[in-house]
Amino acid sequence: MGGSLVAYVEFARKAFAREATYRMEVFTNVGSVAVRVYLLKCLWTALYAQNAAPIDLPLHGMITYATVALLMSLILEVDGTRLIREKVREGTIATDLMKPISLPLYFFSDGLGQTLLHAVLVIPALLLALLMVHVDVPAPPVIAAFLLSFLIGYGVNFFLNFLMNSIAFWTLETFAVQMIVRWASDLLSGQIIPLTFFAGVLGRVVFALPFAAIYSTPLLIYVGIIPPAQWTINFEVQLLWLVIFAGASSLVWRAAANRVVIQGG
């Protein structure tokens, strides 16, 4: 890897400052979370009144689940690797490959800077949400397990975005692929509805998909559906997907970089 650690910290700092300049977008994101929390509270209250409830998750637990999922989305919906697509389309990627830095690590640092800003936004978003709903707070060990699972899920999500944006080396445009994957992720990750709603074979399938490692596992740990005795096996599944996506990203990046070099940019 080229470049020093200080350089990548500076890349992250600049990305944080760049994102912070769009103040209206920042305020809009926080406000939209508050509105969605209220709407989801109304939706789930109505559904539970009709007995449309998942097993082992009472209404207050479902509202907590939905609220925490929305707060997580402030971070996980940040596409920290979109610079790959932009640089390929602009034709500057060849020049960047000649710089004495690791481009994948640069993209990670830039994405981390963007993510840190959105992580800060979780605080005002949570305060607004608490004005409308009650959020259950589990015991410290559960919170620690949730945060660990969330960090692993963040890594899975990062490499998933990395793979999708790297397709631009061959197609230039990745919008269609990203829309399909994002739709599948929103539905099958547990972000919108708990995966415990899916029963039988379908339930086993959706839990086996990599999307569950992003939202579902940390959320189910938080609300207590995944008990402490099952934390380790769930962490291992998440780490497996992280290794798979990281390895695939490495292979695709090498192929993409080689393609640029062979074609002379």
Protein backbone atom coordinates (compact mmCIF):
# COMPACT_ATOMS: atom_id res chain seq x y z
CA MET A 1 0.00 0.00 0.00
CA GLY A 2 1.21 3.43 -0.88
CA GLY A 3 0.94 6.55 1.22
CA SER A 4 1.06 7.00 4.98
CA LEU A 5 -1.75 6.59 7.47
CA VAL A 6 -1.75 10.36 8.03
CA ALA A 7 -2.63 10.89 4.36
CA TYR A 8 -5.69 8.66 4.58
CA VAL A 9 -6.83 10.37 7.78
CA GLU A 10 -6.58 13.66 5.89
CA PHE A 11 -8.64 12.20 3.02
CA ALA A 12 -11.34 11.26 5.53
CA ARG A 13 -11.22 14.73 7.12
CA LYS A 14 -11.64 16.44 3.76
CA ALA A 15 -14.58 14.17 2.86
CA PHE A 16 -16.22 15.03 6.20
CA ALA A 17 -15.76 18.77 5.54
CA ARG A 18 -17.02 18.41 1.95
CA GLU A 19 -20.22 16.67 3.03
CA ALA A 20 -20.79 19.20 5.82
CA THR A 21 -20.95 22.05 3.29
CA TYR A 22 -24.32 20.76 2.06
CA ARG A 23 -26.15 22.03 5.14
CA MET A 24 -29.63 21.93 3.63
CA GLU A 25 -29.19 18.28 2.70
CA VAL A 26 -27.95 17.58 6.23
CA PHE A 27 -31.02 19.15 7.82
CA THR A 28 -33.29 17.42 5.30
CA ASN A 29 -31.86 14.01 6.21
CA VAL A 30 -32.47 14.58 9.91
CA GLY A 31 -35.97 15.88 9.32
CA SER A 32 -36.88 13.02 6.99
CA VAL A 33 -35.89 10.47 9.64
CA ALA A 34 -38.21 12.14 12.15
CA VAL A 35 -41.10 12.09 9.67
CA ARG A 36 -40.49 8.45 8.76
CA VAL A 37 -40.32 7.45 12.44
CA TYR A 38 -43.76 8.98 13.01
CA LEU A 39 -45.23 7.33 9.90
CA LEU A 40 -43.78 3.94 10.80
CA LYS A 41 -45.16 4.25 14.31
CA CYS A 42 -48.63 4.83 12.86
CA LEU A 43 -48.21 2.00 10.34
CA TRP A 44 -47.05 -0.64 12.82
CA THR A 45 -49.61 0.41 15.41
CA ALA A 46 -52.35 -0.13 12.82
CA LEU A 47 -50.88 -3.46 11.66
CA TYR A 48 -50.54 -4.77 15.20
CA ALA A 49 -54.15 -3.78 15.85
CA GLN A 50 -54.99 -6.23 13.03
CA ASN A 51 -52.79 -8.94 14.64
CA ALA A 52 -50.18 -8.68 11.87
CA ALA A 53 -47.31 -9.17 14.33
CA PRO A 54 -44.12 -11.24 14.08
CA ILE A 55 -43.33 -13.86 16.69
CA ASP A 56 -41.61 -12.66 19.90
CA LEU A 57 -41.70 -8.97 18.95
CA PRO A 58 -44.33 -6.84 20.74
CA LEU A 59 -45.42 -3.46 19.40
CA HIS A 60 -42.92 -1.43 21.45
CA GLY A 61 -40.18 -3.77 20.24
CA MET A 62 -41.28 -3.33 16.62
CA ILE A 63 -41.28 0.46 16.95
CA THR A 64 -37.80 0.26 18.50
CA TYR A 65 -36.68 -2.01 15.64
CA ALA A 66 -38.02 0.37 12.98
CA THR A 67 -36.52 3.45 14.66
CA VAL A 68 -33.06 1.92 15.08
CA ALA A 69 -33.20 0.69 11.46
CA LEU A 70 -33.87 4.24 10.27
CA LEU A 71 -30.98 5.59 12.34
CA MET A 72 -28.72 2.88 10.91
CA SER A 73 -29.79 3.87 7.39
CA LEU A 74 -28.33 7.35 7.91
CA ILE A 75 -24.94 5.63 7.86
CA LEU A 76 -25.47 2.57 5.69
CA GLU A 77 -27.14 4.40 2.82
CA VAL A 78 -24.01 6.49 2.28
CA ASP A 79 -22.35 5.19 -0.89
CA GLY A 80 -18.76 5.82 0.10
CA THR A 81 -17.36 4.27 -3.08
CA ARG A 82 -19.30 6.29 -5.65
CA LEU A 83 -16.03 8.09 -6.45
CA ILE A 84 -14.98 4.96 -8.36
CA ARG A 85 -17.86 5.38 -10.80
CA GLU A 86 -17.33 9.13 -11.07
CA LYS A 87 -13.60 8.87 -11.73
CA VAL A 88 -14.08 6.16 -14.36
CA ARG A 89 -16.69 8.23 -16.18
CA GLU A 90 -14.53 11.37 -15.99
CA GLY A 91 -11.48 9.45 -17.24
CA THR A 92 -9.29 10.48 -14.28
CA ILE A 93 -8.94 6.98 -12.86
CA ALA A 94 -5.82 6.23 -14.96
CA THR A 95 -4.00 9.23 -13.48
CA ASP A 96 -5.11 8.28 -9.98
CA LEU A 97 -3.68 4.78 -10.42
CA MET A 98 -0.24 6.33 -10.92
CA LYS A 99 -0.35 8.17 -7.61
CA PRO A 100 1.71 6.78 -4.68
CA ILE A 101 -1.37 5.78 -2.71
CA SER A 102 -3.65 2.77 -2.44
CA LEU A 103 -6.77 3.81 -4.33
CA PRO A 104 -9.07 1.27 -2.59
CA LEU A 105 -7.87 2.60 0.79
CA TYR A 106 -8.39 6.15 -0.48
CA PHE A 107 -11.97 5.30 -1.43
CA PHE A 108 -12.48 3.73 1.99
CA SER A 109 -11.09 6.84 3.73
CA ASP A 110 -13.26 9.15 1.66
CA GLY A 111 -16.32 7.03 2.38
CA LEU A 112 -15.45 6.90 6.08
CA GLY A 113 -15.30 10.69 6.21
CA GLN A 114 -18.77 10.91 4.67
CA THR A 115 -20.01 8.23 7.05
CA LEU A 116 -18.67 10.00 10.14
CA LEU A 117 -20.71 13.08 9.31
CA HIS A 118 -23.85 11.01 8.96
CA ALA A 119 -22.99 9.22 12.21
CA VAL A 120 -23.02 12.61 13.92
CA LEU A 121 -26.47 13.20 12.42
CA VAL A 122 -27.75 10.15 14.30
CA ILE A 123 -27.73 12.17 17.54
CA PRO A 124 -30.18 14.95 16.52
CA ALA A 125 -32.23 12.42 14.55
CA LEU A 126 -32.50 10.22 17.65
CA LEU A 127 -33.50 13.17 19.83
CA LEU A 128 -36.27 14.10 17.39
CA ALA A 129 -37.40 10.48 17.20
CA LEU A 130 -37.62 10.26 20.99
CA LEU A 131 -40.14 13.10 20.96
CA MET A 132 -42.52 10.82 19.05
CA VAL A 133 -41.72 7.26 20.10
CA HIS A 134 -40.30 5.28 22.98
CA VAL A 135 -37.11 3.42 22.08
CA ASP A 136 -36.13 0.46 24.25
CA VAL A 137 -32.54 0.55 25.51
CA PRO A 138 -31.08 -2.93 26.14
CA ALA A 139 -28.37 -3.87 28.63
CA PRO A 140 -24.76 -2.73 27.96
CA PRO A 141 -23.60 -6.20 26.74
CA VAL A 142 -26.40 -6.21 24.17
CA ILE A 143 -25.50 -2.70 23.01
CA ALA A 144 -21.85 -3.77 22.68
CA ALA A 145 -22.86 -6.84 20.63
CA PHE A 146 -25.14 -4.67 18.48
CA LEU A 147 -22.32 -2.19 17.77
CA LEU A 148 -19.90 -4.98 16.86
CA SER A 149 -22.47 -6.54 14.53
CA PHE A 150 -23.22 -3.13 13.05
CA LEU A 151 -19.52 -2.51 12.30
CA ILE A 152 -19.24 -5.85 10.53
CA GLY A 153 -22.42 -5.07 8.60
CA TYR A 154 -20.93 -1.71 7.62
CA GLY A 155 -17.95 -3.56 6.15
CA VAL A 156 -20.21 -5.92 4.19
CA ASN A 157 -22.19 -2.95 2.87
CA PHE A 158 -19.01 -1.07 1.91
CA PHE A 159 -17.63 -3.93 -0.16
CA LEU A 160 -21.04 -4.54 -1.75
CA ASN A 161 -21.04 -0.91 -2.93
CA PHE A 162 -17.41 -1.26 -3.98
CA LEU A 163 -18.27 -4.19 -6.23
CA MET A 164 -21.25 -2.42 -7.79
CA ASN A 165 -19.30 0.76 -8.53
CA SER A 166 -16.36 -1.22 -9.92
CA ILE A 167 -18.65 -2.47 -12.68
CA ALA A 168 -18.19 1.00 -14.17
CA PHE A 169 -14.77 -0.10 -15.45
CA TRP A 170 -16.62 -2.30 -17.96
CA THR A 171 -19.99 -0.59 -18.44
CA LEU A 172 -19.35 3.07 -17.42
CA GLU A 173 -22.94 3.19 -16.11
CA THR A 174 -23.95 1.25 -12.99
CA PHE A 175 -27.31 2.82 -12.18
CA ALA A 176 -29.46 -0.12 -13.28
CA VAL A 177 -27.40 -2.69 -11.39
CA GLN A 178 -27.34 -0.56 -8.27
CA MET A 179 -31.10 -0.04 -8.39
CA ILE A 180 -31.71 -3.79 -8.60
CA VAL A 181 -29.27 -4.62 -5.80
CA ARG A 182 -30.52 -1.75 -3.63
CA TRP A 183 -34.14 -2.85 -4.08
CA ALA A 184 -33.22 -6.42 -3.13
CA SER A 185 -31.20 -5.17 -0.17
CA ASP A 186 -33.98 -2.93 1.12
CA LEU A 187 -36.45 -5.81 1.00
CA LEU A 188 -34.24 -8.69 2.10
CA SER A 189 -31.88 -7.04 4.59
CA GLY A 190 -34.44 -6.53 7.33
CA GLN A 191 -34.34 -2.76 6.99
CA ILE A 192 -38.03 -2.37 6.14
CA ILE A 193 -39.54 -5.41 7.87
CA PRO A 194 -37.94 -7.97 10.21
CA LEU A 195 -36.88 -11.11 8.38
CA THR A 196 -38.77 -13.07 11.03
CA PHE A 197 -41.87 -12.23 8.95
CA PHE A 198 -40.60 -14.72 6.37
CA ALA A 199 -41.52 -18.26 7.39
CA GLY A 200 -40.43 -21.76 6.38
CA VAL A 201 -38.06 -22.27 3.47
CA LEU A 202 -38.33 -18.63 2.37
CA GLY A 203 -37.27 -17.54 5.85
CA ARG A 204 -34.20 -19.78 5.77
CA VAL A 205 -33.29 -18.44 2.32
CA VAL A 206 -33.49 -14.74 3.23
CA PHE A 207 -31.50 -15.30 6.43
CA ALA A 208 -28.81 -17.06 4.38
CA LEU A 209 -28.41 -14.14 1.95
CA PRO A 210 -25.63 -11.56 2.53
CA PHE A 211 -28.15 -8.73 2.89
CA ALA A 212 -29.20 -10.08 6.30
CA ALA A 213 -25.66 -9.40 7.58
CA ILE A 214 -26.12 -5.66 6.98
CA TYR A 215 -29.29 -4.80 8.86
CA SER A 216 -31.08 -7.88 10.19
CA THR A 217 -28.38 -9.37 12.42
CA PRO A 218 -27.55 -6.21 14.41
CA LEU A 219 -31.23 -5.26 14.67
CA LEU A 220 -32.33 -8.70 15.89
CA ILE A 221 -29.53 -8.63 18.45
CA TYR A 222 -30.71 -5.21 19.64
CA VAL A 223 -34.34 -6.23 20.14
CA GLY A 224 -33.38 -9.55 21.73
CA ILE A 225 -34.65 -11.99 19.10
CA ILE A 226 -31.07 -13.24 18.69
CA PRO A 227 -30.10 -14.27 22.27
CA PRO A 228 -26.53 -14.10 23.66
CA ALA A 229 -26.07 -17.84 23.12
CA GLN A 230 -26.41 -17.27 19.35
CA TRP A 231 -24.28 -14.13 19.04
CA THR A 232 -21.08 -15.95 18.13
CA ILE A 233 -22.56 -17.97 15.26
CA ASN A 234 -24.22 -14.84 13.86
CA PHE A 235 -20.95 -12.88 14.07
CA GLU A 236 -19.24 -15.72 12.23
CA VAL A 237 -21.80 -15.64 9.42
CA GLN A 238 -21.37 -11.88 9.10
CA LEU A 239 -17.58 -12.22 9.04
CA LEU A 240 -17.86 -14.92 6.39
CA TRP A 241 -19.78 -12.56 4.11
CA LEU A 242 -17.30 -9.78 4.89
CA VAL A 243 -14.38 -11.98 3.84
CA ILE A 244 -16.20 -13.15 0.69
CA PHE A 245 -17.07 -9.61 -0.43
CA ALA A 246 -13.63 -8.25 0.49
CA GLY A 247 -11.96 -11.05 -1.50
CA ALA A 248 -14.27 -10.50 -4.49
CA SER A 249 -13.59 -6.76 -4.33
CA SER A 250 -9.84 -7.37 -4.38
CA LEU A 251 -10.10 -9.64 -7.42
CA VAL A 252 -12.40 -7.25 -9.31
CA TRP A 253 -10.20 -4.25 -8.50
CA ARG A 254 -7.07 -6.00 -9.77
CA ALA A 255 -8.86 -6.96 -12.98
CA ALA A 256 -10.20 -3.42 -13.40
CA ALA A 257 -6.82 -1.78 -12.75
CA ASN A 258 -5.15 -4.18 -15.18
CA ARG A 259 -7.78 -3.32 -17.78
CA VAL A 260 -7.01 0.40 -17.46
CA VAL A 261 -3.24 -0.21 -17.70
CA ILE A 262 -3.54 -2.47 -20.75
CA GLN A 263 -5.81 0.00 -22.56
CA GLY A 264 -3.58 2.88 -21.60
CA GLY A 265 -6.29 4.68 -19.59
